[in-house]
């Protein structure tokens, strides 16, 4: 069996029941987990990760088709990222954000150069949620307005304003922590709230709804519209033709800032540095995290337009973070740009997405009665599961839990039993492996999903 390195640096073989027992005991005794009833979970102890795989202490191997939380874009233990962190730690492990730092400045420069025309600077945060918090704060101070519009079927983080902006069930129990947030309905052609029959019709009607929301809320009260350029956890919803450009036009008409949330979709996931670049749209603010350095050290940030940057040229910006632009995190971020160039990541993501994933998922959809729709781009795809293709009844109800969620849980369990760790959300299997995945591993993972959908077919009613 393969070896791993324990916390004391000593090699041990997989199957060390004492080590596994200690990891599990410490976790259950002392670790408080997010989004969970603490007594109802049993987290899997993980011993090692490498490339597109990770292993538990029994030596069971999993193909990581979720990139952990869609952040591990360059995979587990990429030697270029590890080396960058080690070298930076040996030279300067940390420095406060008020001082200038070479890797911080270099990373900011590269992000600005690879973002949108009119981008000026970067404010670094510790992750995606606080990037959203600061983008909204910047928009509010820049415009002098308070309201922010956000879509249903969205996730923007779990801090105060970010969770209020979120348009899915994780928001509900947290109440309204930011009274300036207003939600609206975005496009979703497969389950159109606008009774659209074509993608173009969906765009037209969704934009008309947004215009009406702006007019009824009062254009002069709205600081920003925030949206995921390609919706992530809530369905891999790729904007229909003309939608993002239409939102940009509405923002320009009413003096509203457009915030593109690229925390999940950015840094190559869709085959572009940022997902909005495929739609020829320039935002005013961009939030990022996750793929900027594959989460090796926590890092996020906001790309800021020239106009918003100028607002704070002669007046202080009211905000800051102790670890803003942490050198270890930024060193991994700079290395990410180098690796993307050396390994031609963007090109291979576009190639694999169109040449391998799209045709295979279309074939899977044609084969399985439980598949309602497949959609996506790059290495960012969703397989939406249904009980009835004609009525489009979901495999499980919205926000299902317990016995109601059993059919979908059985599909997920089949994936895991076959050695695939899927990205599962709602009634969807979502395909988001590390961007370094080989064609052979990509096909192997899709084969496992294909077989697991036989389980879903067993719940089809018509």
Protein backbone atom coordinates (compact mmCIF):
# COMPACT_ATOMS: atom_id res chain seq x y z
CA UNK A 1 0.00 0.00 0.00
CA UNK A 2 1.03 3.60 -0.53
CA UNK A 3 2.44 5.61 2.34
CA UNK A 4 1.52 8.97 3.79
CA UNK A 5 3.36 11.30 6.15
CA UNK A 6 1.83 11.67 9.60
CA UNK A 7 1.98 14.83 11.71
CA UNK A 8 5.32 13.81 13.22
CA UNK A 9 6.93 13.20 9.83
CA UNK A 10 7.07 9.44 10.23
CA UNK A 11 5.87 7.22 7.39
CA UNK A 12 2.96 4.97 8.14
CA UNK A 13 0.97 2.66 5.92
CA UNK A 14 -2.65 3.17 5.06
CA UNK A 15 -4.77 1.03 7.30
CA UNK A 16 -3.33 2.39 10.56
CA UNK A 17 -6.46 2.01 12.66
CA UNK A 18 -4.93 3.83 15.65
CA UNK A 19 -4.19 6.94 13.58
CA UNK A 20 -7.62 6.84 11.99
CA UNK A 21 -9.28 6.39 15.36
CA UNK A 22 -7.43 9.40 16.78
CA UNK A 23 -8.30 11.65 13.83
CA UNK A 24 -11.95 10.69 14.06
CA UNK A 25 -12.06 11.06 17.85
CA UNK A 26 -10.46 14.52 17.84
CA UNK A 27 -12.78 15.66 15.09
CA UNK A 28 -15.91 14.46 16.85
CA UNK A 29 -14.78 15.76 20.24
CA UNK A 30 -13.39 19.17 19.31
CA UNK A 31 -14.25 20.30 15.76
CA UNK A 32 -17.45 22.23 15.12
CA UNK A 33 -18.54 21.72 11.48
CA UNK A 34 -20.34 24.15 9.20
CA UNK A 35 -23.90 23.64 7.89
CA UNK A 36 -24.36 20.57 10.11
CA UNK A 37 -26.14 19.17 13.12
CA UNK A 38 -23.02 18.15 15.01
CA UNK A 39 -24.45 14.88 16.30
CA UNK A 40 -25.72 13.77 12.91
CA UNK A 41 -22.45 13.73 10.97
CA UNK A 42 -19.49 11.38 10.70
CA UNK A 43 -16.78 13.09 8.61
CA UNK A 44 -14.49 10.84 6.60
CA UNK A 45 -10.86 11.05 7.80
CA UNK A 46 -8.56 11.79 4.86
CA UNK A 47 -4.92 10.74 4.92
CA UNK A 48 -3.48 12.03 1.64
CA UNK A 49 -4.19 13.85 -1.59
CA UNK A 50 -2.31 13.91 -4.88
CA UNK A 51 -3.34 15.31 -8.24
CA UNK A 52 -7.01 14.54 -8.85
CA UNK A 53 -7.28 11.92 -6.09
CA UNK A 54 -7.39 11.60 -2.33
CA UNK A 55 -7.31 8.61 0.03
CA UNK A 56 -8.83 7.75 3.38
CA UNK A 57 -6.91 5.92 6.10
CA UNK A 58 -8.09 2.54 4.83
CA UNK A 59 -6.40 3.28 1.51
CA UNK A 60 -9.70 3.79 -0.32
CA UNK A 61 -9.06 6.00 -3.34
CA UNK A 62 -11.45 8.68 -4.55
CA UNK A 63 -11.40 10.54 -7.84
CA UNK A 64 -12.14 14.12 -6.81
CA UNK A 65 -14.89 15.29 -9.17
CA UNK A 66 -15.78 18.29 -6.98
CA UNK A 67 -12.30 19.83 -6.56
CA UNK A 68 -13.18 19.71 -2.86
CA UNK A 69 -15.41 22.83 -2.77
CA UNK A 70 -14.72 23.76 -6.41
CA UNK A 71 -11.54 25.49 -5.27
CA UNK A 72 -8.81 22.93 -5.96
CA UNK A 73 -8.36 23.98 -9.59
CA UNK A 74 -4.75 22.80 -9.81
CA UNK A 75 -5.35 19.65 -7.82
CA UNK A 76 -3.94 18.20 -4.63
CA UNK A 77 -0.27 18.85 -3.82
CA UNK A 78 0.71 20.57 -7.07
CA UNK A 79 4.51 20.79 -6.85
CA UNK A 80 4.61 24.33 -8.26
CA UNK A 81 2.25 25.64 -5.59
CA UNK A 82 4.00 23.75 -2.80
CA UNK A 83 7.39 25.08 -3.90
CA UNK A 84 6.15 28.68 -4.05
CA UNK A 85 4.77 28.49 -0.51
CA UNK A 86 7.92 26.84 0.85
CA UNK A 87 10.22 29.41 -0.75
CA UNK A 88 8.10 32.31 0.46
CA UNK A 89 7.94 30.89 3.99
CA UNK A 90 11.72 30.64 4.02
CA UNK A 91 12.10 34.29 3.05
CA UNK A 92 9.16 36.19 4.59
CA UNK A 93 6.29 34.23 6.12
CA UNK A 94 4.03 37.21 6.82
CA UNK A 95 3.89 40.99 6.81
CA UNK A 96 1.12 43.44 7.64
CA UNK A 97 -1.04 44.78 4.77
CA UNK A 98 0.00 48.42 5.36
CA UNK A 99 3.47 47.57 4.03
CA UNK A 100 4.36 46.89 0.40
CA UNK A 101 5.20 43.30 -0.46
CA UNK A 102 6.59 41.92 -3.71
CA UNK A 103 4.35 38.89 -4.20
CA UNK A 104 1.26 40.82 -3.12
CA UNK A 105 1.95 43.54 -5.66
CA UNK A 106 2.86 41.08 -8.39
CA UNK A 107 -0.32 39.07 -7.90
CA UNK A 108 -2.48 42.20 -7.90
CA UNK A 109 -0.82 43.32 -11.12
CA UNK A 110 -1.43 40.00 -12.84
CA UNK A 111 -5.06 39.84 -11.72
CA UNK A 112 -5.75 43.37 -12.99
CA UNK A 113 -4.05 42.61 -16.31
CA UNK A 114 -6.15 39.48 -16.78
CA UNK A 115 -9.51 40.90 -15.69
CA UNK A 116 -11.54 43.64 -17.44
CA UNK A 117 -10.83 46.81 -19.37
CA UNK A 118 -10.89 49.66 -16.86
CA UNK A 119 -9.74 47.53 -13.92
CA UNK A 120 -7.40 49.47 -11.64
CA UNK A 121 -6.54 47.65 -8.41
CA UNK A 122 -7.17 44.68 -6.11
CA UNK A 123 -8.22 44.58 -2.47
CA UNK A 124 -7.23 41.23 -0.98
CA UNK A 125 -9.41 39.37 1.51
CA UNK A 126 -9.23 36.02 3.31
CA UNK A 127 -11.82 34.32 1.11
CA UNK A 128 -14.91 34.66 -1.01
CA UNK A 129 -17.50 35.74 1.56
CA UNK A 130 -15.50 38.72 2.79
CA UNK A 131 -14.66 39.59 -0.82
CA UNK A 132 -18.42 39.95 -1.36
CA UNK A 133 -18.75 41.99 1.85
CA UNK A 134 -16.09 44.44 0.71
CA UNK A 135 -17.32 44.69 -2.87
CA UNK A 136 -20.74 45.70 -1.58
CA UNK A 137 -19.19 48.18 0.85
CA UNK A 138 -17.20 49.76 -1.97
CA UNK A 139 -20.27 50.04 -4.18
CA UNK A 140 -22.28 51.65 -1.40
CA UNK A 141 -19.64 54.23 -0.58
CA UNK A 142 -18.98 54.96 -4.25
CA UNK A 143 -22.64 55.52 -5.14
CA UNK A 144 -23.94 56.86 -1.84
CA UNK A 145 -26.79 54.36 -2.14
CA UNK A 146 -27.69 51.45 0.10
CA UNK A 147 -29.69 48.74 -1.68
CA UNK A 148 -28.12 45.76 -3.43
CA UNK A 149 -30.04 43.45 -5.77
CA UNK A 150 -29.16 39.75 -5.82
CA UNK A 151 -30.72 36.75 -7.53
CA UNK A 152 -32.57 33.81 -6.12
CA UNK A 153 -30.75 30.51 -6.76
CA UNK A 154 -27.43 32.02 -5.74
CA UNK A 155 -24.78 31.61 -3.07
CA UNK A 156 -22.50 34.47 -2.04
CA UNK A 157 -21.11 33.36 1.33
CA UNK A 158 -22.19 33.05 4.95
CA UNK A 159 -21.08 36.32 6.56
CA UNK A 160 -23.67 39.01 7.30
CA UNK A 161 -24.27 40.76 3.99
CA UNK A 162 -23.13 37.76 1.93
CA UNK A 163 -25.65 35.36 3.49
CA UNK A 164 -28.43 37.93 3.08
CA UNK A 165 -27.52 38.25 -0.60
CA UNK A 166 -27.63 34.47 -0.95
CA UNK A 167 -30.79 33.32 -2.71
CA UNK A 168 -31.13 29.74 -1.47
CA UNK A 169 -32.19 27.88 1.70
CA UNK A 170 -28.96 28.40 3.64
CA UNK A 171 -30.06 32.00 4.05
CA UNK A 172 -33.37 31.25 5.72
CA UNK A 173 -32.31 30.46 9.29
CA UNK A 174 -29.98 33.47 9.43
CA UNK A 175 -32.70 36.09 9.14
CA UNK A 176 -32.16 39.45 7.43
CA UNK A 177 -28.73 40.61 8.53
CA UNK A 178 -28.56 43.33 5.87
CA UNK A 179 -31.83 45.18 5.35
CA UNK A 180 -30.58 46.73 2.11
CA UNK A 181 -30.76 43.47 0.11
CA UNK A 182 -33.50 42.81 -2.47
CA UNK A 183 -33.83 39.54 -4.40
CA UNK A 184 -34.99 39.03 -7.97
CA UNK A 185 -35.41 36.04 -10.28
CA UNK A 186 -32.73 35.27 -12.83
CA UNK A 187 -32.89 33.17 -15.99
CA UNK A 188 -33.23 29.39 -15.75
CA UNK A 189 -34.52 28.20 -19.14
CA UNK A 190 -35.13 24.59 -18.08
CA UNK A 191 -37.46 25.73 -15.28
CA UNK A 192 -38.41 29.14 -16.60
CA UNK A 193 -40.29 31.37 -14.17
CA UNK A 194 -41.16 33.52 -17.18
CA UNK A 195 -42.85 30.79 -19.27
CA UNK A 196 -40.19 31.30 -21.93
CA UNK A 197 -39.99 28.86 -24.82
CA UNK A 198 -36.52 29.82 -26.10
CA UNK A 199 -33.28 31.05 -24.49
CA UNK A 200 -33.73 34.40 -26.23
CA UNK A 201 -37.23 34.74 -24.81
CA UNK A 202 -35.88 33.84 -21.36
CA UNK A 203 -33.34 36.65 -21.63
CA UNK A 204 -35.93 39.20 -22.76
CA UNK A 205 -38.39 38.34 -19.99
CA UNK A 206 -35.78 38.02 -17.25
CA UNK A 207 -34.41 41.46 -18.14
CA UNK A 208 -37.92 42.93 -18.17
CA UNK A 209 -38.44 41.50 -14.68
CA UNK A 210 -35.16 43.00 -13.50
CA UNK A 211 -36.04 46.39 -14.98
CA UNK A 212 -39.36 46.31 -13.17
CA UNK A 213 -37.63 45.40 -9.90
CA UNK A 214 -35.24 48.33 -10.29
CA UNK A 215 -38.07 50.75 -11.07
CA UNK A 216 -40.22 49.58 -8.16
CA UNK A 217 -37.33 49.65 -5.67
CA UNK A 218 -36.21 53.09 -6.86
CA UNK A 219 -33.17 53.32 -9.14
CA UNK A 220 -31.66 56.10 -7.04
CA UNK A 221 -31.59 53.80 -3.99
CA UNK A 222 -29.69 50.89 -5.59
CA UNK A 223 -25.92 50.74 -5.24
CA UNK A 224 -25.24 47.45 -7.02
CA UNK A 225 -26.49 44.32 -8.67
CA UNK A 226 -24.48 41.23 -7.73
CA UNK A 227 -24.64 37.96 -9.62
CA UNK A 228 -22.56 34.85 -10.16
CA UNK A 229 -21.37 35.14 -13.76
CA UNK A 230 -22.15 31.43 -14.07
CA UNK A 231 -24.27 30.23 -11.16
CA UNK A 232 -22.37 27.58 -9.21
CA UNK A 233 -23.81 25.39 -6.47
CA UNK A 234 -27.37 26.29 -7.40
CA UNK A 235 -27.28 24.66 -10.80
CA UNK A 236 -24.40 25.67 -13.14
CA UNK A 237 -26.76 28.12 -14.83
CA UNK A 238 -24.95 29.60 -17.82
CA UNK A 239 -26.50 32.97 -18.79
CA UNK A 240 -28.63 32.74 -21.94
CA UNK A 241 -27.55 34.87 -24.91
CA UNK A 242 -27.60 38.59 -24.19
CA UNK A 243 -28.50 38.36 -20.50
CA UNK A 244 -25.27 39.61 -18.92
CA UNK A 245 -24.99 42.36 -21.53
CA UNK A 246 -28.56 43.35 -20.72
CA UNK A 247 -27.82 43.55 -17.00
CA UNK A 248 -24.77 45.70 -17.80
CA UNK A 249 -26.96 48.02 -19.89
CA UNK A 250 -29.49 48.40 -17.06
CA UNK A 251 -26.69 49.19 -14.61
CA UNK A 252 -25.35 51.86 -16.97
CA UNK A 253 -28.81 53.34 -17.48
CA UNK A 254 -29.47 53.75 -13.76
CA UNK A 255 -25.95 54.38 -12.40
CA UNK A 256 -25.82 51.00 -10.63
CA UNK A 257 -22.57 49.09 -10.07
CA UNK A 258 -22.32 45.58 -11.52
CA UNK A 259 -20.57 43.10 -9.22
CA UNK A 260 -19.63 39.79 -10.85
CA UNK A 261 -19.14 37.07 -8.24
CA UNK A 262 -16.40 34.85 -9.67
CA UNK A 263 -15.51 33.06 -6.44
CA UNK A 264 -16.40 29.66 -7.90
CA UNK A 265 -16.42 30.26 -11.67
CA UNK A 266 -13.20 32.27 -11.88
CA UNK A 267 -9.61 31.25 -12.57
CA UNK A 268 -10.13 28.82 -15.39
CA UNK A 269 -13.18 26.86 -14.31
CA UNK A 270 -15.10 27.84 -17.48
CA UNK A 271 -12.02 27.97 -19.72
CA UNK A 272 -11.47 31.70 -19.19
CA UNK A 273 -9.64 33.61 -16.49
CA UNK A 274 -13.06 34.91 -15.44
CA UNK A 275 -16.41 33.55 -16.59
CA UNK A 276 -17.83 36.95 -17.57
CA UNK A 277 -15.13 37.25 -20.25
CA UNK A 278 -17.04 34.76 -22.42
CA UNK A 279 -19.93 37.23 -22.59
CA UNK A 280 -17.96 40.37 -23.52
CA UNK A 281 -19.06 42.24 -20.39
CA UNK A 282 -16.99 44.54 -18.18
CA UNK A 283 -18.13 44.67 -14.54
CA UNK A 284 -17.36 47.42 -12.03
CA UNK A 285 -16.25 45.03 -9.28
CA UNK A 286 -15.24 41.37 -9.36
CA UNK A 287 -15.04 39.06 -6.36
CA UNK A 288 -12.69 36.07 -6.46
CA UNK A 289 -11.19 33.39 -4.19
CA UNK A 290 -10.92 29.58 -4.48
CA UNK A 291 -9.08 29.01 -7.78
CA UNK A 292 -6.79 32.03 -7.38
CA UNK A 293 -4.41 29.69 -5.57
CA UNK A 294 -6.46 26.49 -5.30
CA UNK A 295 -7.10 27.17 -1.62
CA UNK A 296 -3.61 26.13 -0.55
CA UNK A 297 -3.56 29.20 1.72
CA UNK A 298 -6.82 31.15 2.24
CA UNK A 299 -7.12 34.07 -0.20
CA UNK A 300 -9.82 36.11 -1.89
CA UNK A 301 -10.24 39.60 -3.18
CA UNK A 302 -12.03 42.29 -5.14
CA UNK A 303 -10.96 43.65 -8.53
CA UNK A 304 -11.82 47.36 -8.53
CA UNK A 305 -12.59 49.64 -11.48
CA UNK A 306 -10.75 52.89 -12.12
CA UNK A 307 -13.83 54.93 -11.17
CA UNK A 308 -14.38 53.18 -7.83
CA UNK A 309 -10.66 53.26 -7.04
CA UNK A 310 -10.70 57.04 -7.65
CA UNK A 311 -13.46 57.45 -5.06
CA UNK A 312 -10.95 56.49 -2.39
CA UNK A 313 -7.97 58.34 -3.85
CA UNK A 314 -8.30 61.22 -1.39
CA UNK A 315 -10.60 59.75 1.21
CA UNK A 316 -9.97 56.72 3.37
CA UNK A 317 -11.62 53.43 2.61
CA UNK A 318 -13.32 52.29 5.83
CA UNK A 319 -12.19 48.70 6.04
CA UNK A 320 -9.27 46.32 6.34
CA UNK A 321 -8.11 42.84 7.33
CA UNK A 322 -5.04 41.72 9.27
CA UNK A 323 -4.21 39.06 6.70
CA UNK A 324 -5.10 41.02 3.56
CA UNK A 325 -2.69 39.91 0.83
CA UNK A 326 -0.89 37.35 3.01
CA UNK A 327 2.51 36.61 1.41
CA UNK A 328 2.16 32.83 1.53
CA UNK A 329 -1.24 33.00 -0.15
CA UNK A 330 -0.07 35.52 -2.74
CA UNK A 331 3.04 33.50 -3.56
CA UNK A 332 0.78 30.58 -4.42
CA UNK A 333 -1.37 32.96 -6.46
CA UNK A 334 1.59 34.16 -8.53
CA UNK A 335 2.61 30.54 -9.07
CA UNK A 336 -0.93 29.81 -10.25
CA UNK A 337 -0.51 32.26 -13.13
CA UNK A 338 2.80 30.66 -14.07
CA UNK A 339 1.33 27.14 -13.97
CA UNK A 340 -1.67 28.19 -16.06
CA UNK A 341 0.71 29.41 -18.75
CA UNK A 342 3.14 26.47 -18.56
CA UNK A 343 0.43 23.79 -18.57
CA UNK A 344 -1.95 25.66 -20.93
CA UNK A 345 -4.77 25.23 -18.44
CA UNK A 346 -7.32 27.49 -20.13
CA UNK A 347 -6.85 25.85 -23.50
CA UNK A 348 -7.16 22.32 -22.12
CA UNK A 349 -10.26 23.20 -20.09
CA UNK A 350 -12.01 24.53 -23.19
CA UNK A 351 -10.89 21.48 -25.19
CA UNK A 352 -11.93 18.88 -22.62
CA UNK A 353 -15.22 20.64 -21.95
CA UNK A 354 -16.32 20.70 -25.58
CA UNK A 355 -14.62 17.59 -26.97
CA UNK A 356 -15.11 15.21 -24.04
CA UNK A 357 -17.62 16.40 -21.44
CA UNK A 358 -20.36 17.90 -23.61
CA UNK A 359 -20.83 14.96 -26.00
CA UNK A 360 -20.54 12.40 -23.20
CA UNK A 361 -23.12 14.16 -21.02
CA UNK A 362 -25.44 14.52 -23.99
CA UNK A 363 -25.12 10.77 -24.57
CA UNK A 364 -25.81 10.14 -20.87
CA UNK A 365 -28.91 12.33 -21.08
CA UNK A 366 -30.17 10.38 -24.07
CA UNK A 367 -29.57 7.08 -22.27
CA UNK A 368 -31.06 7.75 -18.83
CA UNK A 369 -34.73 8.48 -18.17
CA UNK A 370 -33.72 10.19 -14.92
CA UNK A 371 -31.78 12.97 -16.66
CA UNK A 372 -33.83 16.07 -17.40
CA UNK A 373 -31.08 18.30 -18.70
CA UNK A 374 -27.30 18.59 -18.90
CA UNK A 375 -25.73 22.05 -19.14
CA UNK A 376 -22.45 23.78 -18.54
CA UNK A 377 -19.19 25.01 -19.97
CA UNK A 378 -15.49 24.27 -19.52
CA UNK A 379 -15.13 21.88 -16.58
CA UNK A 380 -18.29 23.19 -14.90
CA UNK A 381 -21.39 21.10 -15.67
CA UNK A 382 -24.68 20.00 -14.14
CA UNK A 383 -26.76 16.87 -14.64
CA UNK A 384 -30.27 17.69 -13.47
CA UNK A 385 -32.16 14.61 -12.30
CA UNK A 386 -35.92 14.14 -12.63
CA UNK A 387 -38.59 11.58 -11.89
CA UNK A 388 -40.41 12.43 -15.09
CA UNK A 389 -38.80 13.94 -18.16
CA UNK A 390 -42.14 15.14 -19.56
CA UNK A 391 -43.32 17.00 -16.44
CA UNK A 392 -39.75 17.78 -15.29
CA UNK A 393 -40.64 16.77 -11.72
CA UNK A 394 -37.33 16.81 -9.79
CA UNK A 395 -35.89 13.54 -8.53
CA UNK A 396 -36.31 14.92 -5.02
CA UNK A 397 -38.27 17.96 -3.79
CA UNK A 398 -36.64 21.36 -3.39
CA UNK A 399 -34.51 21.50 -0.21
CA UNK A 400 -35.36 17.88 0.59
CA UNK A 401 -33.92 16.14 3.64
CA UNK A 402 -34.28 12.83 5.43
CA UNK A 403 -36.32 10.19 3.64
CA UNK A 404 -37.42 12.67 0.96
CA UNK A 405 -33.79 13.00 -0.13
CA UNK A 406 -33.14 9.25 -0.20
CA UNK A 407 -33.26 8.79 -4.01
CA UNK A 408 -30.58 11.38 -4.62
CA UNK A 409 -28.51 10.17 -1.67
CA UNK A 410 -28.56 6.69 -3.19
CA UNK A 411 -27.11 8.04 -6.45
CA UNK A 412 -24.36 9.88 -4.55
CA UNK A 413 -23.61 6.74 -2.54
CA UNK A 414 -23.26 4.74 -5.76
CA UNK A 415 -20.69 7.25 -7.03
CA UNK A 416 -18.67 7.06 -3.83
CA UNK A 417 -18.83 3.26 -3.71
CA UNK A 418 -17.30 3.23 -7.19
CA UNK A 419 -14.45 5.55 -6.14
CA UNK A 420 -15.80 8.93 -7.27
CA UNK A 421 -16.37 11.86 -4.91
CA UNK A 422 -19.08 13.89 -6.69
CA UNK A 423 -20.18 17.51 -6.45
CA UNK A 424 -23.78 16.96 -5.36
CA UNK A 425 -26.34 19.71 -4.79
CA UNK A 426 -30.12 19.68 -4.76
CA UNK A 427 -31.20 17.19 -7.42
CA UNK A 428 -28.04 17.65 -9.48
CA UNK A 429 -24.76 15.88 -9.97
CA UNK A 430 -22.33 18.63 -10.91
CA UNK A 431 -19.07 17.95 -12.74
CA UNK A 432 -16.20 20.10 -11.48
CA UNK A 433 -12.93 18.13 -11.32
CA UNK A 434 -9.50 19.76 -10.94
CA UNK A 435 -8.52 21.52 -14.15
CA UNK A 436 -5.38 19.37 -14.42
CA UNK A 437 -7.43 16.20 -14.87
CA UNK A 438 -6.31 13.89 -17.66
CA UNK A 439 -8.69 12.88 -20.42
CA UNK A 440 -8.52 9.28 -19.20
CA UNK A 441 -9.51 10.22 -15.64
CA UNK A 442 -12.24 12.51 -16.91
CA UNK A 443 -13.72 9.68 -18.95
CA UNK A 444 -13.38 7.28 -16.02
CA UNK A 445 -15.29 9.67 -13.77
CA UNK A 446 -18.05 10.15 -16.32
CA UNK A 447 -18.27 6.36 -16.67
CA UNK A 448 -18.90 6.09 -12.92
CA UNK A 449 -21.62 8.75 -13.09
CA UNK A 450 -23.18 6.94 -16.05
CA UNK A 451 -23.39 3.72 -14.03
CA UNK A 452 -24.67 5.51 -10.90
CA UNK A 453 -27.54 6.99 -12.88
CA UNK A 454 -28.94 3.47 -13.24
CA UNK A 455 -29.89 3.94 -9.58
CA UNK A 456 -31.67 7.20 -10.39
CA UNK A 457 -33.51 5.52 -13.26
CA UNK A 458 -35.06 3.19 -10.70
CA UNK A 459 -37.02 6.12 -9.24
CA UNK A 460 -38.44 7.34 -12.56
CA UNK A 461 -42.24 7.32 -12.61
CA UNK A 462 -42.81 7.74 -16.35
